[in-house]
Amino acid sequence: MGISFTLKKLSDREIRIVINDQDKHSLPNLLAKLALKKPGVTFAGYIIEHPVVTYPELVIMTDGSRSPLEVLKEVLKEVKTMAQEFVEELDKALTK
């Protein structure tokens, strides 16, 4: 089962996306933690209104020096690189 996203809000300083995934904490937590390390980010976190009936809403806010969408794209590329490196290291470990 894939993960889908719903854009809830996009402005020059804030992005809010709903992450439609049954695992409601792993991905938004990772994205928020990585976003917080980026320059210009003033807030990054996620909200789950009700754990049984709603999906997490990722929120990234910036000071205006950069676009929150730019930050999200940068973080997603970083996650992709991390996953690729993990697979490579796992393959190396399994071939020993």
PDB file of N, CA and C in Angstrom:
ATOM      1  N   MET A   1       0.835  -1.179   0.000  1.00  0.00           N
ATOM      2  CA  MET A   1       0.000   0.000   0.000  1.00  0.00           C
ATOM      3  C   MET A   1       0.878   1.239   0.000  1.00  0.00           C
ATOM      4  N   GLY A   2       0.608   2.161  -0.913  1.00  0.00           N
ATOM      5  CA  GLY A   2       1.409   3.360  -1.041  1.00  0.00           C
ATOM      6  C   GLY A   2       0.972   4.465  -0.098  1.00  0.00           C
ATOM      7  N   ILE A   3       1.804   5.468  -0.060  1.00  0.00           N
ATOM      8  CA  ILE A   3       1.531   6.648   0.749  1.00  0.00           C
ATOM      9  C   ILE A   3       1.125   7.773  -0.190  1.00  0.00           C
ATOM     10  N   SER A   4       0.082   8.491   0.169  1.00  0.00           N
ATOM     11  CA  SER A   4      -0.312   9.657  -0.623  1.00  0.00           C
ATOM     12  C   SER A   4      -0.315  10.891   0.273  1.00  0.00           C
ATOM     13  N   PHE A   5      -0.278  12.043  -0.370  1.00  0.00           N
ATOM     14  CA  PHE A   5      -0.242  13.308   0.349  1.00  0.00           C
ATOM     15  C   PHE A   5      -1.375  14.190  -0.137  1.00  0.00           C
ATOM     16  N   THR A   6      -1.915  14.990   0.757  1.00  0.00           N
ATOM     17  CA  THR A   6      -2.912  15.985   0.408  1.00  0.00           C
ATOM     18  C   THR A   6      -2.400  17.342   0.871  1.00  0.00           C
ATOM     19  N   LEU A   7      -2.254  18.274  -0.052  1.00  0.00           N
ATOM     20  CA  LEU A   7      -1.815  19.621   0.303  1.00  0.00           C
ATOM     21  C   LEU A   7      -2.972  20.344   0.976  1.00  0.00           C
ATOM     22  N   LYS A   8      -2.744  20.779   2.195  1.00  0.00           N
ATOM     23  CA  LYS A   8      -3.794  21.469   2.945  1.00  0.00           C
ATOM     24  C   LYS A   8      -3.600  22.988   2.907  1.00  0.00           C
ATOM     25  N   LYS A   9      -2.324  23.433   2.929  1.00  0.00           N
ATOM     26  CA  LYS A   9      -2.045  24.870   2.908  1.00  0.00           C
ATOM     27  C   LYS A   9      -0.644  25.088   2.365  1.00  0.00           C
ATOM     28  N   LEU A  10      -0.495  26.127   1.550  1.00  0.00           N
ATOM     29  CA  LEU A  10       0.822  26.529   1.069  1.00  0.00           C
ATOM     30  C   LEU A  10       0.851  28.046   0.988  1.00  0.00           C
ATOM     31  N   SER A  11       1.792  28.638   1.722  1.00  0.00           N
ATOM     32  CA  SER A  11       2.010  30.080   1.656  1.00  0.00           C
ATOM     33  C   SER A  11       3.514  30.315   1.587  1.00  0.00           C
ATOM     34  N   ASP A  12       3.925  31.567   1.592  1.00  0.00           N
ATOM     35  CA  ASP A  12       5.357  31.854   1.489  1.00  0.00           C
ATOM     36  C   ASP A  12       6.125  31.458   2.744  1.00  0.00           C
ATOM     37  N   ARG A  13       5.428  31.220   3.860  1.00  0.00           N
ATOM     38  CA  ARG A  13       6.093  30.855   5.115  1.00  0.00           C
ATOM     39  C   ARG A  13       5.602  29.550   5.741  1.00  0.00           C
ATOM     40  N   GLU A  14       4.606  28.917   5.152  1.00  0.00           N
ATOM     41  CA  GLU A  14       4.035  27.724   5.789  1.00  0.00           C
ATOM     42  C   GLU A  14       3.512  26.731   4.762  1.00  0.00           C
ATOM     43  N   ILE A  15       3.775  25.457   5.048  1.00  0.00           N
ATOM     44  CA  ILE A  15       3.167  24.376   4.274  1.00  0.00           C
ATOM     45  C   ILE A  15       2.557  23.391   5.263  1.00  0.00           C
ATOM     46  N   ARG A  16       1.391  22.888   4.896  1.00  0.00           N
ATOM     47  CA  ARG A  16       0.715  21.854   5.677  1.00  0.00           C
ATOM     48  C   ARG A  16       0.277  20.770   4.702  1.00  0.00           C
ATOM     49  N   ILE A  17       0.732  19.552   4.961  1.00  0.00           N
ATOM     50  CA  ILE A  17       0.312  18.428   4.131  1.00  0.00           C
ATOM     51  C   ILE A  17      -0.183  17.301   5.028  1.00  0.00           C
ATOM     52  N   VAL A  18      -1.223  16.647   4.579  1.00  0.00           N
ATOM     53  CA  VAL A  18      -1.739  15.474   5.277  1.00  0.00           C
ATOM     54  C   VAL A  18      -1.083  14.264   4.635  1.00  0.00           C
ATOM     55  N   ILE A  19      -0.494  13.412   5.471  1.00  0.00           N
ATOM     56  CA  ILE A  19       0.192  12.209   4.997  1.00  0.00           C
ATOM     57  C   ILE A  19      -0.748  11.030   5.213  1.00  0.00           C
ATOM     58  N   ASN A  20      -1.266  10.501   4.123  1.00  0.00           N
ATOM     59  CA  ASN A  20      -2.223   9.396   4.185  1.00  0.00           C
ATOM     60  C   ASN A  20      -1.468   8.068   4.243  1.00  0.00           C
ATOM     61  N   ASP A  21      -1.163   7.653   5.469  1.00  0.00           N
ATOM     62  CA  ASP A  21      -0.391   6.435   5.695  1.00  0.00           C
ATOM     63  C   ASP A  21      -0.883   5.795   6.990  1.00  0.00           C
ATOM     64  N   GLN A  22      -1.020   4.477   6.989  1.00  0.00           N
ATOM     65  CA  GLN A  22      -1.488   3.774   8.182  1.00  0.00           C
ATOM     66  C   GLN A  22      -0.511   3.916   9.350  1.00  0.00           C
ATOM     67  N   ASP A  23       0.791   3.973   9.056  1.00  0.00           N
ATOM     68  CA  ASP A  23       1.793   4.226  10.093  1.00  0.00           C
ATOM     69  C   ASP A  23       1.814   5.734  10.301  1.00  0.00           C
ATOM     70  N   LYS A  24       1.193   6.178  11.345  1.00  0.00           N
ATOM     71  CA  LYS A  24       0.907   7.605  11.495  1.00  0.00           C
ATOM     72  C   LYS A  24       2.025   8.426  12.132  1.00  0.00           C
ATOM     73  N   HIS A  25       3.133   7.805  12.516  1.00  0.00           N
ATOM     74  CA  HIS A  25       4.164   8.574  13.208  1.00  0.00           C
ATOM     75  C   HIS A  25       5.539   8.543  12.543  1.00  0.00           C
ATOM     76  N   SER A  26       5.927   7.442  11.954  1.00  0.00           N
ATOM     77  CA  SER A  26       7.308   7.297  11.478  1.00  0.00           C
ATOM     78  C   SER A  26       7.706   8.350  10.453  1.00  0.00           C
ATOM     79  N   LEU A  27       6.966   8.461   9.373  1.00  0.00           N
ATOM     80  CA  LEU A  27       7.334   9.400   8.311  1.00  0.00           C
ATOM     81  C   LEU A  27       7.192  10.859   8.736  1.00  0.00           C
ATOM     82  N   PRO A  28       6.071  11.282   9.319  1.00  0.00           N
ATOM     83  CA  PRO A  28       5.987  12.692   9.699  1.00  0.00           C
ATOM     84  C   PRO A  28       7.011  13.080  10.762  1.00  0.00           C
ATOM     85  N   ASN A  29       7.323  12.170  11.667  1.00  0.00           N
ATOM     86  CA  ASN A  29       8.328  12.447  12.688  1.00  0.00           C
ATOM     87  C   ASN A  29       9.696  12.647  12.046  1.00  0.00           C
ATOM     88  N   LEU A  30      10.069  11.765  11.130  1.00  0.00           N
ATOM     89  CA  LEU A  30      11.348  11.881  10.435  1.00  0.00           C
ATOM     90  C   LEU A  30      11.420  13.183   9.642  1.00  0.00           C
ATOM     91  N   LEU A  31      10.375  13.487   8.883  1.00  0.00           N
ATOM     92  CA  LEU A  31      10.363  14.707   8.074  1.00  0.00           C
ATOM     93  C   LEU A  31      10.464  15.952   8.948  1.00  0.00           C
ATOM     94  N   ALA A  32       9.738  15.983  10.052  1.00  0.00           N
ATOM     95  CA  ALA A  32       9.774  17.147  10.946  1.00  0.00           C
ATOM     96  C   ALA A  32      11.151  17.320  11.573  1.00  0.00           C
ATOM     97  N   LYS A  33      11.745  16.226  12.040  1.00  0.00           N
ATOM     98  CA  LYS A  33      13.068  16.323  12.672  1.00  0.00           C
ATOM     99  C   LYS A  33      14.128  16.808  11.686  1.00  0.00           C
ATOM    100  N   LEU A  34      14.091  16.316  10.464  1.00  0.00           N
ATOM    101  CA  LEU A  34      15.058  16.765   9.460  1.00  0.00           C
ATOM    102  C   LEU A  34      14.798  18.213   9.053  1.00  0.00           C
ATOM    103  N   ALA A  35      13.540  18.606   8.949  1.00  0.00           N
ATOM    104  CA  ALA A  35      13.207  19.984   8.571  1.00  0.00           C
ATOM    105  C   ALA A  35      13.695  20.976   9.617  1.00  0.00           C
ATOM    106  N   LEU A  36      13.619  20.600  10.887  1.00  0.00           N
ATOM    107  CA  LEU A  36      14.060  21.497  11.960  1.00  0.00           C
ATOM    108  C   LEU A  36      15.541  21.847  11.861  1.00  0.00           C
ATOM    109  N   LYS A  37      16.320  21.004  11.221  1.00  0.00           N
ATOM    110  CA  LYS A  37      17.763  21.236  11.082  1.00  0.00           C
ATOM    111  C   LYS A  37      18.094  22.185   9.939  1.00  0.00           C
ATOM    112  N   LYS A  38      17.116  22.521   9.119  1.00  0.00           N
ATOM    113  CA  LYS A  38      17.360  23.346   7.933  1.00  0.00           C
ATOM    114  C   LYS A  38      17.345  24.831   8.295  1.00  0.00           C
ATOM    115  N   PRO A  39      18.236  25.611   7.656  1.00  0.00           N
ATOM    116  CA  PRO A  39      18.249  27.054   7.902  1.00  0.00           C
ATOM    117  C   PRO A  39      16.917  27.693   7.508  1.00  0.00           C
ATOM    118  N   GLY A  40      16.489  28.641   8.310  1.00  0.00           N
ATOM    119  CA  GLY A  40      15.265  29.370   8.017  1.00  0.00           C
ATOM    120  C   GLY A  40      14.001  28.737   8.553  1.00  0.00           C
ATOM    121  N   VAL A  41      14.082  27.510   9.049  1.00  0.00           N
ATOM    122  CA  VAL A  41      12.893  26.831   9.577  1.00  0.00           C
ATOM    123  C   VAL A  41      12.665  27.276  11.023  1.00  0.00           C
ATOM    124  N   THR A  42      11.475  27.788  11.294  1.00  0.00           N
ATOM    125  CA  THR A  42      11.131  28.243  12.642  1.00  0.00           C
ATOM    126  C   THR A  42      10.281  27.224  13.402  1.00  0.00           C
ATOM    127  N   PHE A  43       9.594  26.350  12.667  1.00  0.00           N
ATOM    128  CA  PHE A  43       8.782  25.316  13.293  1.00  0.00           C
ATOM    129  C   PHE A  43       8.618  24.165  12.321  1.00  0.00           C
ATOM    130  N   ALA A  44       8.688  22.955  12.853  1.00  0.00           N
ATOM    131  CA  ALA A  44       8.367  21.755  12.077  1.00  0.00           C
ATOM    132  C   ALA A  44       7.827  20.722  13.058  1.00  0.00           C
ATOM    133  N   GLY A  45       6.696  20.174  12.741  1.00  0.00           N
ATOM    134  CA  GLY A  45       6.076  19.175  13.592  1.00  0.00           C
ATOM    135  C   GLY A  45       4.881  18.583  12.876  1.00  0.00           C
ATOM    136  N   TYR A  46       4.151  17.742  13.585  1.00  0.00           N
ATOM    137  CA  TYR A  46       2.945  17.182  12.976  1.00  0.00           C
ATOM    138  C   TYR A  46       1.840  17.076  14.006  1.00  0.00           C
ATOM    139  N   ILE A  47       0.630  17.086  13.493  1.00  0.00           N
ATOM    140  CA  ILE A  47      -0.570  17.078  14.318  1.00  0.00           C
ATOM    141  C   ILE A  47      -1.412  15.870  13.911  1.00  0.00           C
ATOM    142  N   ILE A  48      -1.922  15.165  14.906  1.00  0.00           N
ATOM    143  CA  ILE A  48      -2.917  14.117  14.655  1.00  0.00           C
ATOM    144  C   ILE A  48      -4.115  14.468  15.534  1.00  0.00           C
ATOM    145  N   GLU A  49      -5.188  14.923  14.907  1.00  0.00           N
ATOM    146  CA  GLU A  49      -6.360  15.359  15.678  1.00  0.00           C
ATOM    147  C   GLU A  49      -6.971  14.209  16.469  1.00  0.00           C
ATOM    148  N   HIS A  50      -7.093  13.055  15.842  1.00  0.00           N
ATOM    149  CA  HIS A  50      -7.600  11.867  16.530  1.00  0.00           C
ATOM    150  C   HIS A  50      -6.919  10.654  15.904  1.00  0.00           C
ATOM    151  N   PRO A  51      -6.200   9.859  16.694  1.00  0.00           N
ATOM    152  CA  PRO A  51      -5.394   8.767  16.131  1.00  0.00           C
ATOM    153  C   PRO A  51      -6.182   7.684  15.404  1.00  0.00           C
ATOM    154  N   VAL A  52      -7.450   7.545  15.686  1.00  0.00           N
ATOM    155  CA  VAL A  52      -8.239   6.496  15.048  1.00  0.00           C
ATOM    156  C   VAL A  52      -8.825   6.953  13.711  1.00  0.00           C
ATOM    157  N   VAL A  53      -9.182   8.222  13.616  1.00  0.00           N
ATOM    158  CA  VAL A  53      -9.932   8.663  12.438  1.00  0.00           C
ATOM    159  C   VAL A  53      -9.218   9.677  11.549  1.00  0.00           C
ATOM    160  N   THR A  54      -8.054  10.177  11.938  1.00  0.00           N
ATOM    161  CA  THR A  54      -7.366  11.167  11.098  1.00  0.00           C
ATOM    162  C   THR A  54      -5.920  10.766  10.842  1.00  0.00           C
ATOM    163  N   TYR A  55      -5.385  11.284   9.758  1.00  0.00           N
ATOM    164  CA  TYR A  55      -3.987  11.077   9.402  1.00  0.00           C
ATOM    165  C   TYR A  55      -3.161  12.268   9.883  1.00  0.00           C
ATOM    166  N   PRO A  56      -1.843  12.102  10.004  1.00  0.00           N
ATOM    167  CA  PRO A  56      -1.005  13.202  10.478  1.00  0.00           C
ATOM    168  C   PRO A  56      -0.925  14.345   9.471  1.00  0.00           C
ATOM    169  N   GLU A  57      -0.875  15.543  10.018  1.00  0.00           N
ATOM    170  CA  GLU A  57      -0.713  16.753   9.218  1.00  0.00           C
ATOM    171  C   GLU A  57       0.669  17.326   9.535  1.00  0.00           C
ATOM    172  N   LEU A  58       1.563  17.286   8.552  1.00  0.00           N
ATOM    173  CA  LEU A  58       2.908  17.824   8.712  1.00  0.00           C
ATOM    174  C   LEU A  58       2.858  19.331   8.508  1.00  0.00           C
ATOM    175  N   VAL A  59       3.503  20.070   9.412  1.00  0.00           N
ATOM    176  CA  VAL A  59       3.544  21.529   9.337  1.00  0.00           C
ATOM    177  C   VAL A  59       5.006  21.969   9.323  1.00  0.00           C
ATOM    178  N   ILE A  60       5.376  22.752   8.318  1.00  0.00           N
ATOM    179  CA  ILE A  60       6.710  23.350   8.261  1.00  0.00           C
ATOM    180  C   ILE A  60       6.519  24.852   8.088  1.00  0.00           C
ATOM    181  N   MET A  61       7.136  25.631   8.988  1.00  0.00           N
ATOM    182  CA  MET A  61       7.070  27.092   8.920  1.00  0.00           C
ATOM    183  C   MET A  61       8.488  27.641   8.803  1.00  0.00           C
ATOM    184  N   THR A  62       8.631  28.691   8.010  1.00  0.00           N
ATOM    185  CA  THR A  62       9.942  29.318   7.840  1.00  0.00           C
ATOM    186  C   THR A  62       9.872  30.795   8.223  1.00  0.00           C
ATOM    187  N   ASP A  63      11.050  31.408   8.321  1.00  0.00           N
ATOM    188  CA  ASP A  63      11.128  32.833   8.648  1.00  0.00           C
ATOM    189  C   ASP A  63      10.951  33.718   7.417  1.00  0.00           C
ATOM    190  N   GLY A  64      10.692  33.115   6.278  1.00  0.00           N
ATOM    191  CA  GLY A  64      10.497  33.863   5.045  1.00  0.00           C
ATOM    192  C   GLY A  64      11.737  33.946   4.177  1.00  0.00           C
ATOM    193  N   SER A  65      12.868  33.497   4.715  1.00  0.00           N
ATOM    194  CA  SER A  65      14.106  33.529   3.932  1.00  0.00           C
ATOM    195  C   SER A  65      14.142  32.434   2.876  1.00  0.00           C
ATOM    196  N   ARG A  66      13.281  31.455   3.024  1.00  0.00           N
ATOM    197  CA  ARG A  66      13.156  30.390   2.028  1.00  0.00           C
ATOM    198  C   ARG A  66      11.749  29.821   2.054  1.00  0.00           C
ATOM    199  N   SER A  67      11.393  29.197   0.977  1.00  0.00           N
ATOM    200  CA  SER A  67      10.060  28.628   0.824  1.00  0.00           C
ATOM    201  C   SER A  67       9.931  27.342   1.638  1.00  0.00           C
ATOM    202  N   PRO A  68       8.819  27.153   2.339  1.00  0.00           N
ATOM    203  CA  PRO A  68       8.620  25.895   3.052  1.00  0.00           C
ATOM    204  C   PRO A  68       8.521  24.700   2.095  1.00  0.00           C
ATOM    205  N   LEU A  69       8.042  24.927   0.881  1.00  0.00           N
ATOM    206  CA  LEU A  69       8.000  23.859  -0.118  1.00  0.00           C
ATOM    207  C   LEU A  69       9.415  23.449  -0.506  1.00  0.00           C
ATOM    208  N   GLU A  70      10.311  24.424  -0.642  1.00  0.00           N
ATOM    209  CA  GLU A  70      11.720  24.145  -0.934  1.00  0.00           C
ATOM    210  C   GLU A  70      12.331  23.302   0.184  1.00  0.00           C
ATOM    211  N   VAL A  71      12.020  23.643   1.425  1.00  0.00           N
ATOM    212  CA  VAL A  71      12.518  22.876   2.576  1.00  0.00           C
ATOM    213  C   VAL A  71      11.996  21.445   2.515  1.00  0.00           C
ATOM    214  N   LEU A  72      10.706  21.273   2.256  1.00  0.00           N
ATOM    215  CA  LEU A  72      10.120  19.934   2.189  1.00  0.00           C
ATOM    216  C   LEU A  72      10.773  19.103   1.091  1.00  0.00           C
ATOM    217  N   LYS A  73      10.978  19.692  -0.076  1.00  0.00           N
ATOM    218  CA  LYS A  73      11.626  18.964  -1.173  1.00  0.00           C
ATOM    219  C   LYS A  73      13.044  18.552  -0.794  1.00  0.00           C
ATOM    220  N   GLU A  74      13.771  19.446  -0.128  1.00  0.00           N
ATOM    221  CA  GLU A  74      15.138  19.145   0.311  1.00  0.00           C
ATOM    222  C   GLU A  74      15.139  17.988   1.312  1.00  0.00           C
ATOM    223  N   VAL A  75      14.204  18.018   2.243  1.00  0.00           N
ATOM    224  CA  VAL A  75      14.100  16.959   3.247  1.00  0.00           C
ATOM    225  C   VAL A  75      13.736  15.624   2.593  1.00  0.00           C
ATOM    226  N   LEU A  76      12.818  15.640   1.637  1.00  0.00           N
ATOM    227  CA  LEU A  76      12.435  14.401   0.952  1.00  0.00           C
ATOM    228  C   LEU A  76      13.611  13.805   0.180  1.00  0.00           C
ATOM    229  N   LYS A  77      14.426  14.648  -0.439  1.00  0.00           N
ATOM    230  CA  LYS A  77      15.627  14.159  -1.125  1.00  0.00           C
ATOM    231  C   LYS A  77      16.593  13.535  -0.128  1.00  0.00           C
ATOM    232  N   GLU A  78      16.716  14.160   1.046  1.00  0.00           N
ATOM    233  CA  GLU A  78      17.595  13.632   2.089  1.00  0.00           C
ATOM    234  C   GLU A  78      17.115  12.264   2.573  1.00  0.00           C
ATOM    235  N   VAL A  79      15.818  12.116   2.751  1.00  0.00           N
ATOM    236  CA  VAL A  79      15.254  10.827   3.174  1.00  0.00           C
ATOM    237  C   VAL A  79      15.508   9.766   2.108  1.00  0.00           C
ATOM    238  N   LYS A  80      15.345  10.131   0.850  1.00  0.00           N
ATOM    239  CA  LYS A  80      15.595   9.192  -0.248  1.00  0.00           C
ATOM    240  C   LYS A  80      17.047   8.734  -0.240  1.00  0.00           C
ATOM    241  N   THR A  81      17.974   9.666  -0.051  1.00  0.00           N
ATOM    242  CA  THR A  81      19.398   9.327   0.008  1.00  0.00           C
ATOM    243  C   THR A  81      19.684   8.415   1.194  1.00  0.00           C
ATOM    244  N   MET A  82      19.101   8.728   2.341  1.00  0.00           N
ATOM    245  CA  MET A  82      19.296   7.895   3.529  1.00  0.00           C
ATOM    246  C   MET A  82      18.803   6.471   3.282  1.00  0.00           C
ATOM    247  N   ALA A  83      17.653   6.333   2.649  1.00  0.00           N
ATOM    248  CA  ALA A  83      17.095   5.010   2.368  1.00  0.00           C
ATOM    249  C   ALA A  83      17.977   4.235   1.393  1.00  0.00           C
ATOM    250  N   GLN A  84      18.486   4.926   0.364  1.00  0.00           N
ATOM    251  CA  GLN A  84      19.368   4.273  -0.607  1.00  0.00           C
ATOM    252  C   GLN A  84      20.657   3.805   0.062  1.00  0.00           C
ATOM    253  N   GLU A  85      21.234   4.646   0.925  1.00  0.00           N
ATOM    254  CA  GLU A  85      22.455   4.266   1.638  1.00  0.00           C
ATOM    255  C   GLU A  85      22.199   3.079   2.560  1.00  0.00           C
ATOM    256  N   PHE A  86      21.046   3.053   3.194  1.00  0.00           N
ATOM    257  CA  PHE A  86      20.694   1.945   4.066  1.00  0.00           C
ATOM    258  C   PHE A  86      20.628   0.640   3.284  1.00  0.00           C
ATOM    259  N   VAL A  87      19.978   0.670   2.134  1.00  0.00           N
ATOM    260  CA  VAL A  87      19.857  -0.527   1.291  1.00  0.00           C
ATOM    261  C   VAL A  87      21.234  -0.996   0.834  1.00  0.00           C
ATOM    262  N   GLU A  88      22.098  -0.069   0.434  1.00  0.00           N
ATOM    263  CA  GLU A  88      23.452  -0.432   0.003  1.00  0.00           C
ATOM    264  C   GLU A  88      24.231  -1.094   1.133  1.00  0.00           C
ATOM    265  N   GLU A  89      24.158  -0.526   2.329  1.00  0.00           N
ATOM    266  CA  GLU A  89      24.870  -1.099   3.472  1.00  0.00           C
ATOM    267  C   GLU A  89      24.291  -2.460   3.858  1.00  0.00           C
ATOM    268  N   LEU A  90      22.997  -2.596   3.759  1.00  0.00           N
ATOM    269  CA  LEU A  90      22.360  -3.879   4.051  1.00  0.00           C
ATOM    270  C   LEU A  90      22.815  -4.936   3.051  1.00  0.00           C
ATOM    271  N   ASP A  91      22.854  -4.574   1.769  1.00  0.00           N
ATOM    272  CA  ASP A  91      23.327  -5.499   0.738  1.00  0.00           C
ATOM    273  C   ASP A  91      24.762  -5.937   1.007  1.00  0.00           C
ATOM    274  N   LYS A  92      25.614  -4.987   1.394  1.00  0.00           N
ATOM    275  CA  LYS A  92      27.011  -5.318   1.715  1.00  0.00           C
ATOM    276  C   LYS A  92      27.077  -6.295   2.880  1.00  0.00           C
ATOM    277  N   ALA A  93      26.300  -6.029   3.909  1.00  0.00           N
ATOM    278  CA  ALA A  93      26.313  -6.884   5.096  1.00  0.00           C
ATOM    279  C   ALA A  93      25.802  -8.285   4.783  1.00  0.00           C
ATOM    280  N   LEU A  94      24.835  -8.380   3.901  1.00  0.00           N
ATOM    281  CA  LEU A  94      24.255  -9.684   3.579  1.00  0.00           C
ATOM    282  C   LEU A  94      25.117 -10.504   2.632  1.00  0.00           C
ATOM    283  N   THR A  95      26.037  -9.861   1.925  1.00  0.00           N
ATOM    284  CA  THR A  95      26.892 -10.592   0.993  1.00  0.00           C
ATOM    285  C   THR A  95      28.204 -11.033   1.631  1.00  0.00           C
ATOM    286  N   LYS A  96      28.418 -10.730   2.877  1.00  0.00           N
ATOM    287  CA  LYS A  96      29.656 -11.141   3.569  1.00  0.00           C
ATOM    288  C   LYS A  96      29.563 -12.569   4.024  1.00  0.00           C
TER     289      LYS A  96
END
